[in-house]
Amino acid sequence: MASIQASHRFARISPTKVRHFANLVRGMTAQQGLEQLRFMHNRGAKMLEKVLHSAVANAEDRGARNPGSLIISDAQVDMGPKFRRVRPRGRGRADMLEKKFAHIKVALDAPEIP
């Protein structure tokens, strides 16, 4: 079976906050990854869980027999665009505020049967 993907582009969170959880679930089965992310009280984990759930639903739609046993072959969190804002500081200075976006992508593969 070919790789099945799901993505959330322009997620309003910094990529470094989600990348830790992507590294955690990469290589697990989809069911194990969902179980791991379900009990983590973190906004980045919830976003990744939704994308993983969407990838499993895409696998079901494409006719996967047991979508829970699919393996998370790739979980990437890339940098998206940034909102740049200027914040006034003392003595006439200004600081740059960067509000970051992330592109979250999950790919599932069928397990290899010997």
N, C-alpha and C. Protein backbone atom coordinates (compact mmCIF):
# COMPACT_ATOMS: atom_id res chain seq x y z
N MET A 1 0.84 -1.18 0.00
CA MET A 1 0.00 0.00 0.00
C MET A 1 0.89 1.24 0.00
N ALA A 2 0.49 2.23 -0.75
CA ALA A 2 1.28 3.46 -0.83
C ALA A 2 1.13 4.26 0.46
N SER A 3 2.00 5.21 0.62
CA SER A 3 1.98 6.06 1.81
C SER A 3 0.72 6.92 1.84
N ILE A 4 0.09 6.97 2.98
CA ILE A 4 -1.13 7.77 3.16
C ILE A 4 -0.79 8.93 4.06
N GLN A 5 -1.19 10.14 3.65
CA GLN A 5 -0.76 11.34 4.34
C GLN A 5 -1.93 12.19 4.81
N ALA A 6 -1.65 13.01 5.79
CA ALA A 6 -2.57 14.05 6.24
C ALA A 6 -1.71 15.21 6.72
N SER A 7 -2.23 16.42 6.59
CA SER A 7 -1.43 17.56 7.02
C SER A 7 -2.32 18.66 7.57
N HIS A 8 -1.73 19.47 8.40
CA HIS A 8 -2.37 20.69 8.91
C HIS A 8 -1.40 21.81 8.61
N ARG A 9 -1.75 22.60 7.63
CA ARG A 9 -0.88 23.70 7.25
C ARG A 9 -1.31 24.97 7.97
N PHE A 10 -0.36 25.82 8.23
CA PHE A 10 -0.59 27.10 8.89
C PHE A 10 -1.21 26.94 10.28
N ALA A 11 -0.73 25.94 11.02
CA ALA A 11 -1.17 25.76 12.40
C ALA A 11 -0.56 26.88 13.24
N ARG A 12 -1.36 27.53 14.03
CA ARG A 12 -0.93 28.73 14.77
C ARG A 12 -0.22 28.32 16.06
N ILE A 13 0.95 27.68 15.89
CA ILE A 13 1.78 27.27 17.01
C ILE A 13 3.22 27.20 16.51
N SER A 14 4.16 27.41 17.39
CA SER A 14 5.56 27.34 17.01
C SER A 14 5.94 25.88 16.71
N PRO A 15 6.70 25.64 15.65
CA PRO A 15 7.04 24.25 15.29
C PRO A 15 7.82 23.51 16.36
N THR A 16 8.64 24.22 17.13
CA THR A 16 9.44 23.53 18.15
C THR A 16 8.56 22.94 19.25
N LYS A 17 7.38 23.50 19.45
CA LYS A 17 6.48 22.99 20.48
C LYS A 17 5.80 21.69 20.06
N VAL A 18 5.74 21.42 18.76
CA VAL A 18 5.08 20.22 18.25
C VAL A 18 6.10 19.16 17.87
N ARG A 19 7.29 19.58 17.50
CA ARG A 19 8.31 18.67 16.98
C ARG A 19 8.69 17.59 18.00
N HIS A 20 8.66 17.92 19.28
CA HIS A 20 8.99 16.95 20.32
C HIS A 20 8.02 15.76 20.27
N PHE A 21 6.76 16.03 20.07
CA PHE A 21 5.75 14.96 20.04
C PHE A 21 5.82 14.17 18.74
N ALA A 22 6.19 14.84 17.65
CA ALA A 22 6.36 14.14 16.37
C ALA A 22 7.50 13.13 16.47
N ASN A 23 8.59 13.52 17.14
CA ASN A 23 9.71 12.59 17.33
C ASN A 23 9.30 11.43 18.22
N LEU A 24 8.40 11.68 19.15
CA LEU A 24 7.96 10.64 20.08
C LEU A 24 7.17 9.54 19.38
N VAL A 25 6.26 9.91 18.48
CA VAL A 25 5.36 8.92 17.88
C VAL A 25 5.87 8.33 16.58
N ARG A 26 6.91 8.89 16.00
CA ARG A 26 7.45 8.38 14.73
C ARG A 26 7.93 6.95 14.93
N GLY A 27 7.49 6.04 14.07
CA GLY A 27 7.87 4.63 14.16
C GLY A 27 6.87 3.76 14.89
N MET A 28 5.94 4.36 15.63
CA MET A 28 4.91 3.60 16.32
C MET A 28 3.79 3.22 15.34
N THR A 29 2.92 2.32 15.79
CA THR A 29 1.71 2.09 15.01
C THR A 29 0.77 3.27 15.24
N ALA A 30 -0.20 3.42 14.36
CA ALA A 30 -1.12 4.55 14.47
C ALA A 30 -1.91 4.47 15.78
N GLN A 31 -2.30 3.27 16.17
CA GLN A 31 -3.07 3.10 17.40
C GLN A 31 -2.24 3.48 18.63
N GLN A 32 -0.98 3.06 18.66
CA GLN A 32 -0.10 3.42 19.78
C GLN A 32 0.13 4.92 19.83
N GLY A 33 0.33 5.52 18.66
CA GLY A 33 0.56 6.96 18.61
C GLY A 33 -0.63 7.75 19.11
N LEU A 34 -1.83 7.32 18.72
CA LEU A 34 -3.05 7.99 19.20
C LEU A 34 -3.19 7.84 20.72
N GLU A 35 -2.88 6.66 21.23
CA GLU A 35 -2.96 6.44 22.68
C GLU A 35 -1.95 7.31 23.43
N GLN A 36 -0.74 7.44 22.88
CA GLN A 36 0.27 8.27 23.52
C GLN A 36 -0.17 9.73 23.57
N LEU A 37 -0.67 10.23 22.45
CA LEU A 37 -1.01 11.65 22.35
C LEU A 37 -2.30 12.00 23.08
N ARG A 38 -3.18 11.03 23.23
CA ARG A 38 -4.49 11.31 23.83
C ARG A 38 -4.37 11.79 25.27
N PHE A 39 -3.39 11.30 26.00
CA PHE A 39 -3.29 11.61 27.42
C PHE A 39 -2.25 12.69 27.73
N MET A 40 -1.74 13.35 26.71
CA MET A 40 -0.80 14.43 26.93
C MET A 40 -1.55 15.75 26.93
N HIS A 41 -1.45 16.46 28.02
CA HIS A 41 -2.17 17.72 28.15
C HIS A 41 -1.30 18.84 27.62
N ASN A 42 -1.21 18.88 26.30
CA ASN A 42 -0.38 19.87 25.64
C ASN A 42 -1.05 20.25 24.33
N ARG A 43 -1.04 21.52 24.01
CA ARG A 43 -1.71 21.99 22.81
C ARG A 43 -1.08 21.42 21.53
N GLY A 44 0.23 21.31 21.51
CA GLY A 44 0.91 20.74 20.35
C GLY A 44 0.58 19.27 20.16
N ALA A 45 0.46 18.53 21.26
CA ALA A 45 0.10 17.12 21.18
C ALA A 45 -1.32 16.95 20.65
N LYS A 46 -2.22 17.83 21.04
CA LYS A 46 -3.60 17.75 20.56
C LYS A 46 -3.66 18.03 19.06
N MET A 47 -2.88 18.99 18.57
CA MET A 47 -2.86 19.28 17.14
C MET A 47 -2.31 18.09 16.35
N LEU A 48 -1.23 17.48 16.84
CA LEU A 48 -0.66 16.32 16.17
C LEU A 48 -1.61 15.14 16.22
N GLU A 49 -2.34 14.99 17.32
CA GLU A 49 -3.31 13.90 17.44
C GLU A 49 -4.41 14.05 16.38
N LYS A 50 -4.87 15.26 16.14
CA LYS A 50 -5.91 15.49 15.14
C LYS A 50 -5.41 15.15 13.74
N VAL A 51 -4.17 15.50 13.45
CA VAL A 51 -3.61 15.19 12.13
C VAL A 51 -3.44 13.68 11.97
N LEU A 52 -2.99 13.01 13.02
CA LEU A 52 -2.83 11.55 12.97
C LEU A 52 -4.18 10.87 12.81
N HIS A 53 -5.19 11.38 13.51
CA HIS A 53 -6.54 10.83 13.37
C HIS A 53 -7.05 11.01 11.94
N SER A 54 -6.75 12.15 11.33
CA SER A 54 -7.14 12.40 9.94
C SER A 54 -6.43 11.45 8.99
N ALA A 55 -5.15 11.15 9.24
CA ALA A 55 -4.41 10.22 8.39
C ALA A 55 -5.01 8.81 8.48
N VAL A 56 -5.43 8.41 9.68
CA VAL A 56 -6.07 7.10 9.85
C VAL A 56 -7.40 7.07 9.08
N ALA A 57 -8.15 8.17 9.15
CA ALA A 57 -9.41 8.25 8.41
C ALA A 57 -9.16 8.20 6.90
N ASN A 58 -8.09 8.83 6.44
CA ASN A 58 -7.74 8.77 5.02
C ASN A 58 -7.40 7.34 4.62
N ALA A 59 -6.73 6.60 5.51
CA ALA A 59 -6.39 5.21 5.23
C ALA A 59 -7.66 4.36 5.13
N GLU A 60 -8.61 4.60 6.02
CA GLU A 60 -9.89 3.87 5.96
C GLU A 60 -10.61 4.17 4.66
N ASP A 61 -10.56 5.41 4.24
CA ASP A 61 -11.24 5.81 3.02
C ASP A 61 -10.61 5.16 1.79
N ARG A 62 -9.31 4.93 1.86
CA ARG A 62 -8.62 4.30 0.73
C ARG A 62 -8.65 2.78 0.78
N GLY A 63 -9.30 2.22 1.79
CA GLY A 63 -9.51 0.78 1.83
C GLY A 63 -8.51 0.00 2.65
N ALA A 64 -7.87 0.60 3.63
CA ALA A 64 -6.96 -0.14 4.50
C ALA A 64 -7.78 -1.10 5.36
N ARG A 65 -7.32 -2.32 5.49
CA ARG A 65 -8.11 -3.33 6.22
C ARG A 65 -8.08 -3.11 7.72
N ASN A 66 -6.92 -2.80 8.26
CA ASN A 66 -6.81 -2.56 9.70
C ASN A 66 -6.04 -1.25 9.90
N PRO A 67 -6.74 -0.11 9.87
CA PRO A 67 -6.04 1.17 9.92
C PRO A 67 -5.27 1.42 11.20
N GLY A 68 -5.65 0.79 12.30
CA GLY A 68 -4.95 0.98 13.56
C GLY A 68 -3.57 0.38 13.57
N SER A 69 -3.31 -0.61 12.69
CA SER A 69 -2.00 -1.26 12.67
C SER A 69 -1.03 -0.60 11.69
N LEU A 70 -1.44 0.47 11.02
CA LEU A 70 -0.54 1.18 10.13
C LEU A 70 0.59 1.82 10.94
N ILE A 71 1.75 1.93 10.33
CA ILE A 71 2.92 2.47 11.01
C ILE A 71 3.12 3.93 10.62
N ILE A 72 3.44 4.76 11.61
CA ILE A 72 3.71 6.18 11.35
C ILE A 72 5.13 6.26 10.79
N SER A 73 5.22 6.32 9.46
CA SER A 73 6.53 6.31 8.82
C SER A 73 7.18 7.68 8.85
N ASP A 74 6.39 8.73 8.82
CA ASP A 74 6.95 10.07 8.77
C ASP A 74 6.05 11.02 9.54
N ALA A 75 6.63 11.79 10.42
CA ALA A 75 5.91 12.84 11.15
C ALA A 75 6.82 14.06 11.14
N GLN A 76 6.44 15.04 10.33
CA GLN A 76 7.27 16.23 10.17
C GLN A 76 6.54 17.45 10.69
N VAL A 77 7.29 18.36 11.26
CA VAL A 77 6.76 19.66 11.66
C VAL A 77 7.72 20.70 11.10
N ASP A 78 7.26 21.41 10.08
CA ASP A 78 8.10 22.39 9.41
C ASP A 78 7.64 23.80 9.76
N MET A 79 8.53 24.75 9.54
CA MET A 79 8.24 26.15 9.81
C MET A 79 7.35 26.71 8.70
N GLY A 80 6.33 27.42 9.10
CA GLY A 80 5.49 28.14 8.16
C GLY A 80 5.88 29.61 8.14
N PRO A 81 5.01 30.46 7.66
CA PRO A 81 5.32 31.89 7.67
C PRO A 81 5.25 32.47 9.07
N LYS A 82 5.67 33.70 9.21
CA LYS A 82 5.65 34.37 10.51
C LYS A 82 4.89 35.68 10.37
N PHE A 83 4.09 36.00 11.38
CA PHE A 83 3.58 37.36 11.51
C PHE A 83 4.66 38.15 12.21
N ARG A 84 5.01 39.28 11.66
CA ARG A 84 5.99 40.13 12.33
C ARG A 84 5.29 41.39 12.81
N ARG A 85 5.43 41.66 14.09
CA ARG A 85 4.83 42.83 14.70
C ARG A 85 5.90 43.61 15.43
N VAL A 86 5.69 44.89 15.55
CA VAL A 86 6.64 45.74 16.26
C VAL A 86 6.03 46.11 17.60
N ARG A 87 6.84 45.93 18.66
CA ARG A 87 6.40 46.26 20.00
C ARG A 87 7.22 47.44 20.52
N PRO A 88 6.58 48.52 20.86
CA PRO A 88 7.35 49.67 21.34
C PRO A 88 8.01 49.38 22.69
N ARG A 89 9.23 49.84 22.83
CA ARG A 89 9.98 49.68 24.07
C ARG A 89 10.39 51.06 24.58
N GLY A 90 11.10 51.06 25.67
CA GLY A 90 11.50 52.33 26.28
C GLY A 90 12.52 53.09 25.45
N ARG A 91 12.57 54.39 25.66
CA ARG A 91 13.54 55.30 25.05
C ARG A 91 13.46 55.28 23.53
N GLY A 92 12.28 55.08 22.97
CA GLY A 92 12.08 55.18 21.53
C GLY A 92 12.51 53.96 20.74
N ARG A 93 12.86 52.90 21.42
CA ARG A 93 13.27 51.69 20.70
C ARG A 93 12.06 50.85 20.34
N ALA A 94 12.29 49.79 19.55
CA ALA A 94 11.23 48.86 19.18
C ALA A 94 11.81 47.45 19.13
N ASP A 95 11.01 46.48 19.56
CA ASP A 95 11.39 45.07 19.46
C ASP A 95 10.48 44.40 18.45
N MET A 96 11.02 43.38 17.79
CA MET A 96 10.24 42.63 16.81
C MET A 96 9.59 41.42 17.49
N LEU A 97 8.29 41.27 17.31
CA LEU A 97 7.56 40.09 17.78
C LEU A 97 7.32 39.20 16.59
N GLU A 98 7.63 37.93 16.70
CA GLU A 98 7.38 36.98 15.62
C GLU A 98 6.37 35.96 16.10
N LYS A 99 5.22 35.94 15.43
CA LYS A 99 4.19 34.94 15.73
C LYS A 99 4.32 33.86 14.67
N LYS A 100 4.73 32.67 15.10
CA LYS A 100 5.13 31.62 14.16
C LYS A 100 3.97 30.69 13.81
N PHE A 101 4.07 30.10 12.62
CA PHE A 101 3.13 29.09 12.14
C PHE A 101 3.89 27.81 11.87
N ALA A 102 3.18 26.68 11.89
CA ALA A 102 3.81 25.38 11.63
C ALA A 102 3.00 24.63 10.57
N HIS A 103 3.70 23.82 9.81
CA HIS A 103 3.07 22.88 8.89
C HIS A 103 3.31 21.48 9.47
N ILE A 104 2.23 20.81 9.88
CA ILE A 104 2.33 19.49 10.51
C ILE A 104 1.92 18.46 9.47
N LYS A 105 2.77 17.45 9.24
CA LYS A 105 2.50 16.43 8.23
C LYS A 105 2.76 15.05 8.82
N VAL A 106 1.82 14.12 8.60
CA VAL A 106 1.96 12.74 9.08
C VAL A 106 1.74 11.81 7.90
N ALA A 107 2.60 10.80 7.76
CA ALA A 107 2.47 9.80 6.72
C ALA A 107 2.43 8.41 7.35
N LEU A 108 1.52 7.57 6.86
CA LEU A 108 1.36 6.21 7.37
C LEU A 108 1.71 5.21 6.28
N ASP A 109 2.31 4.08 6.68
CA ASP A 109 2.63 2.99 5.77
C ASP A 109 2.09 1.70 6.35
N ALA A 110 1.81 0.75 5.45
CA ALA A 110 1.36 -0.58 5.90
C ALA A 110 2.56 -1.33 6.46
N PRO A 111 2.36 -2.14 7.51
CA PRO A 111 3.49 -2.91 8.05
C PRO A 111 3.94 -3.96 7.05
N GLU A 112 5.24 -4.21 7.07
CA GLU A 112 5.79 -5.21 6.15
C GLU A 112 5.56 -6.60 6.72
N ILE A 113 4.94 -7.45 5.90
CA ILE A 113 4.63 -8.82 6.33
C ILE A 113 5.72 -9.75 5.78
N PRO A 114 6.40 -10.47 6.65
CA PRO A 114 7.49 -11.35 6.17
C PRO A 114 6.98 -12.56 5.43
